[in-house]
Amino acid sequence: MIFSCHELLEFALIFILLVCVFLPLITQIK
Protein backbone atom coordinates (compact mmCIF):
# COMPACT_ATOMS: atom_id res chain seq x y z
CA MET A 1 0.00 0.00 0.00
CA ILE A 2 1.49 3.32 -1.09
CA PHE A 3 0.63 6.48 0.80
CA SER A 4 0.84 9.93 -0.70
CA CYS A 5 2.51 12.64 1.35
CA HIS A 6 -0.81 14.38 2.03
CA GLU A 7 -2.50 11.21 3.28
CA LEU A 8 0.45 10.42 5.51
CA LEU A 9 0.34 13.93 6.99
CA GLU A 10 -3.40 13.65 7.70
CA PHE A 11 -2.89 10.25 9.36
CA ALA A 12 -0.10 11.65 11.52
CA LEU A 13 -2.22 14.60 12.65
CA ILE A 14 -5.16 12.35 13.54
CA PHE A 15 -2.84 9.98 15.42
CA ILE A 16 -1.35 12.86 17.44
CA LEU A 17 -4.82 14.16 18.28
CA LEU A 18 -5.92 10.72 19.46
CA VAL A 19 -2.81 10.37 21.64
CA CYS A 20 -3.37 13.81 23.17
CA VAL A 21 -6.98 12.89 23.97
CA PHE A 22 -6.51 9.35 25.28
CA LEU A 23 -3.20 9.65 27.11
CA PRO A 24 -4.63 11.80 29.96
CA LEU A 25 -7.62 9.44 30.24
CA ILE A 26 -5.37 6.38 30.51
CA THR A 27 -3.14 8.03 33.12
CA GLN A 28 -6.20 8.99 35.19
CA ILE A 29 -7.54 5.43 35.14
CA LYS A 30 -4.25 3.88 36.27
PDB file of N, CA and C in Angstrom:
ATOM      1  N   MET A   1       0.853  -1.198   0.000  1.00  0.00           N
ATOM      2  CA  MET A   1       0.000   0.000   0.000  1.00  0.00           C
ATOM      3  C   MET A   1       0.889   1.249   0.000  1.00  0.00           C
ATOM      4  N   ILE A   2       0.662   2.110  -0.966  1.00  0.00           N
ATOM      5  CA  ILE A   2       1.489   3.315  -1.094  1.00  0.00           C
ATOM      6  C   ILE A   2       0.685   4.526  -0.616  1.00  0.00           C
ATOM      7  N   PHE A   3       1.273   5.271   0.299  1.00  0.00           N
ATOM      8  CA  PHE A   3       0.627   6.482   0.799  1.00  0.00           C
ATOM      9  C   PHE A   3       1.205   7.703   0.106  1.00  0.00           C
ATOM     10  N   SER A   4       0.334   8.643  -0.211  1.00  0.00           N
ATOM     11  CA  SER A   4       0.837   9.927  -0.700  1.00  0.00           C
ATOM     12  C   SER A   4       1.236  10.776   0.502  1.00  0.00           C
ATOM     13  N   CYS A   5       2.009  11.806   0.253  1.00  0.00           N
ATOM     14  CA  CYS A   5       2.515  12.638   1.354  1.00  0.00           C
ATOM     15  C   CYS A   5       1.352  13.269   2.112  1.00  0.00           C
ATOM     16  N   HIS A   6       0.320  13.709   1.393  1.00  0.00           N
ATOM     17  CA  HIS A   6      -0.810  14.378   2.028  1.00  0.00           C
ATOM     18  C   HIS A   6      -1.565  13.413   2.939  1.00  0.00           C
ATOM     19  N   GLU A   7      -1.794  12.184   2.462  1.00  0.00           N
ATOM     20  CA  GLU A   7      -2.505  11.212   3.285  1.00  0.00           C
ATOM     21  C   GLU A   7      -1.708  10.871   4.532  1.00  0.00           C
ATOM     22  N   LEU A   8      -0.400  10.746   4.374  1.00  0.00           N
ATOM     23  CA  LEU A   8       0.452  10.417   5.509  1.00  0.00           C
ATOM     24  C   LEU A   8       0.406  11.535   6.549  1.00  0.00           C
ATOM     25  N   LEU A   9       0.389  12.782   6.086  1.00  0.00           N
ATOM     26  CA  LEU A   9       0.337  13.926   6.991  1.00  0.00           C
ATOM     27  C   LEU A   9      -0.987  13.943   7.749  1.00  0.00           C
ATOM     28  N   GLU A  10      -2.091  13.683   7.040  1.00  0.00           N
ATOM     29  CA  GLU A  10      -3.395  13.647   7.704  1.00  0.00           C
ATOM     30  C   GLU A  10      -3.433  12.551   8.762  1.00  0.00           C
ATOM     31  N   PHE A  11      -2.898  11.366   8.413  1.00  0.00           N
ATOM     32  CA  PHE A  11      -2.891  10.255   9.359  1.00  0.00           C
ATOM     33  C   PHE A  11      -2.077  10.606  10.598  1.00  0.00           C
ATOM     34  N   ALA A  12      -0.946  11.273  10.396  1.00  0.00           N
ATOM     35  CA  ALA A  12      -0.096  11.654  11.522  1.00  0.00           C
ATOM     36  C   ALA A  12      -0.819  12.645  12.431  1.00  0.00           C
ATOM     37  N   LEU A  13      -1.508  13.611  11.843  1.00  0.00           N
ATOM     38  CA  LEU A  13      -2.223  14.601  12.647  1.00  0.00           C
ATOM     39  C   LEU A  13      -3.333  13.946  13.459  1.00  0.00           C
ATOM     40  N   ILE A  14      -4.078  13.038  12.827  1.00  0.00           N
ATOM     41  CA  ILE A  14      -5.159  12.351  13.537  1.00  0.00           C
ATOM     42  C   ILE A  14      -4.590  11.509  14.675  1.00  0.00           C
ATOM     43  N   PHE A  15      -3.468  10.820  14.406  1.00  0.00           N
ATOM     44  CA  PHE A  15      -2.844   9.979  15.424  1.00  0.00           C
ATOM     45  C   PHE A  15      -2.402  10.815  16.620  1.00  0.00           C
ATOM     46  N   ILE A  16      -1.800  11.979  16.360  1.00  0.00           N
ATOM     47  CA  ILE A  16      -1.345  12.863  17.439  1.00  0.00           C
ATOM     48  C   ILE A  16      -2.538  13.358  18.251  1.00  0.00           C
ATOM     49  N   LEU A  17      -3.627  13.710  17.573  1.00  0.00           N
ATOM     50  CA  LEU A  17      -4.823  14.158  18.278  1.00  0.00           C
ATOM     51  C   LEU A  17      -5.365  13.051  19.183  1.00  0.00           C
ATOM     52  N   LEU A  18      -5.416  11.826  18.655  1.00  0.00           N
ATOM     53  CA  LEU A  18      -5.917  10.715  19.461  1.00  0.00           C
ATOM     54  C   LEU A  18      -5.042  10.484  20.685  1.00  0.00           C
ATOM     55  N   VAL A  19      -3.730  10.558  20.509  1.00  0.00           N
ATOM     56  CA  VAL A  19      -2.811  10.369  21.636  1.00  0.00           C
ATOM     57  C   VAL A  19      -3.037  11.453  22.686  1.00  0.00           C
ATOM     58  N   CYS A  20      -3.182  12.697  22.234  1.00  0.00           N
ATOM     59  CA  CYS A  20      -3.371  13.811  23.173  1.00  0.00           C
ATOM     60  C   CYS A  20      -4.682  13.669  23.938  1.00  0.00           C
ATOM     61  N   VAL A  21      -5.684  13.050  23.310  1.00  0.00           N
ATOM     62  CA  VAL A  21      -6.977  12.891  23.974  1.00  0.00           C
ATOM     63  C   VAL A  21      -6.956  11.713  24.942  1.00  0.00           C
ATOM     64  N   PHE A  22      -6.394  10.577  24.501  1.00  0.00           N
ATOM     65  CA  PHE A  22      -6.513   9.350  25.283  1.00  0.00           C
ATOM     66  C   PHE A  22      -5.437   9.196  26.341  1.00  0.00           C
ATOM     67  N   LEU A  23      -4.278   9.815  26.149  1.00  0.00           N
ATOM     68  CA  LEU A  23      -3.198   9.651  27.113  1.00  0.00           C
ATOM     69  C   LEU A  23      -3.593  10.155  28.505  1.00  0.00           C
ATOM     70  N   PRO A  24      -4.184  11.348  28.637  1.00  0.00           N
ATOM     71  CA  PRO A  24      -4.633  11.799  29.965  1.00  0.00           C
ATOM     72  C   PRO A  24      -5.692  10.871  30.566  1.00  0.00           C
ATOM     73  N   LEU A  25      -6.588  10.344  29.730  1.00  0.00           N
ATOM     74  CA  LEU A  25      -7.617   9.438  30.242  1.00  0.00           C
ATOM     75  C   LEU A  25      -6.989   8.169  30.797  1.00  0.00           C
ATOM     76  N   ILE A  26      -6.024   7.615  30.074  1.00  0.00           N
ATOM     77  CA  ILE A  26      -5.368   6.380  30.511  1.00  0.00           C
ATOM     78  C   ILE A  26      -4.596   6.615  31.805  1.00  0.00           C
ATOM     79  N   THR A  27      -3.924   7.754  31.909  1.00  0.00           N
ATOM     80  CA  THR A  27      -3.142   8.027  33.121  1.00  0.00           C
ATOM     81  C   THR A  27      -4.059   8.268  34.318  1.00  0.00           C
ATOM     82  N   GLN A  28      -5.267   8.798  34.086  1.00  0.00           N
ATOM     83  CA  GLN A  28      -6.203   8.992  35.189  1.00  0.00           C
ATOM     84  C   GLN A  28      -6.747   7.661  35.686  1.00  0.00           C
ATOM     85  N   ILE A  29      -6.993   6.732  34.760  1.00  0.00           N
ATOM     86  CA  ILE A  29      -7.542   5.434  35.139  1.00  0.00           C
ATOM     87  C   ILE A  29      -6.532   4.638  35.957  1.00  0.00           C
ATOM     88  N   LYS A  30      -5.266   4.682  35.573  1.00  0.00           N
ATOM     89  CA  LYS A  30      -4.248   3.885  36.267  1.00  0.00           C
ATOM     90  C   LYS A  30      -3.853   4.480  37.616  1.00  0.00           C
TER      91      LYS A  30
END
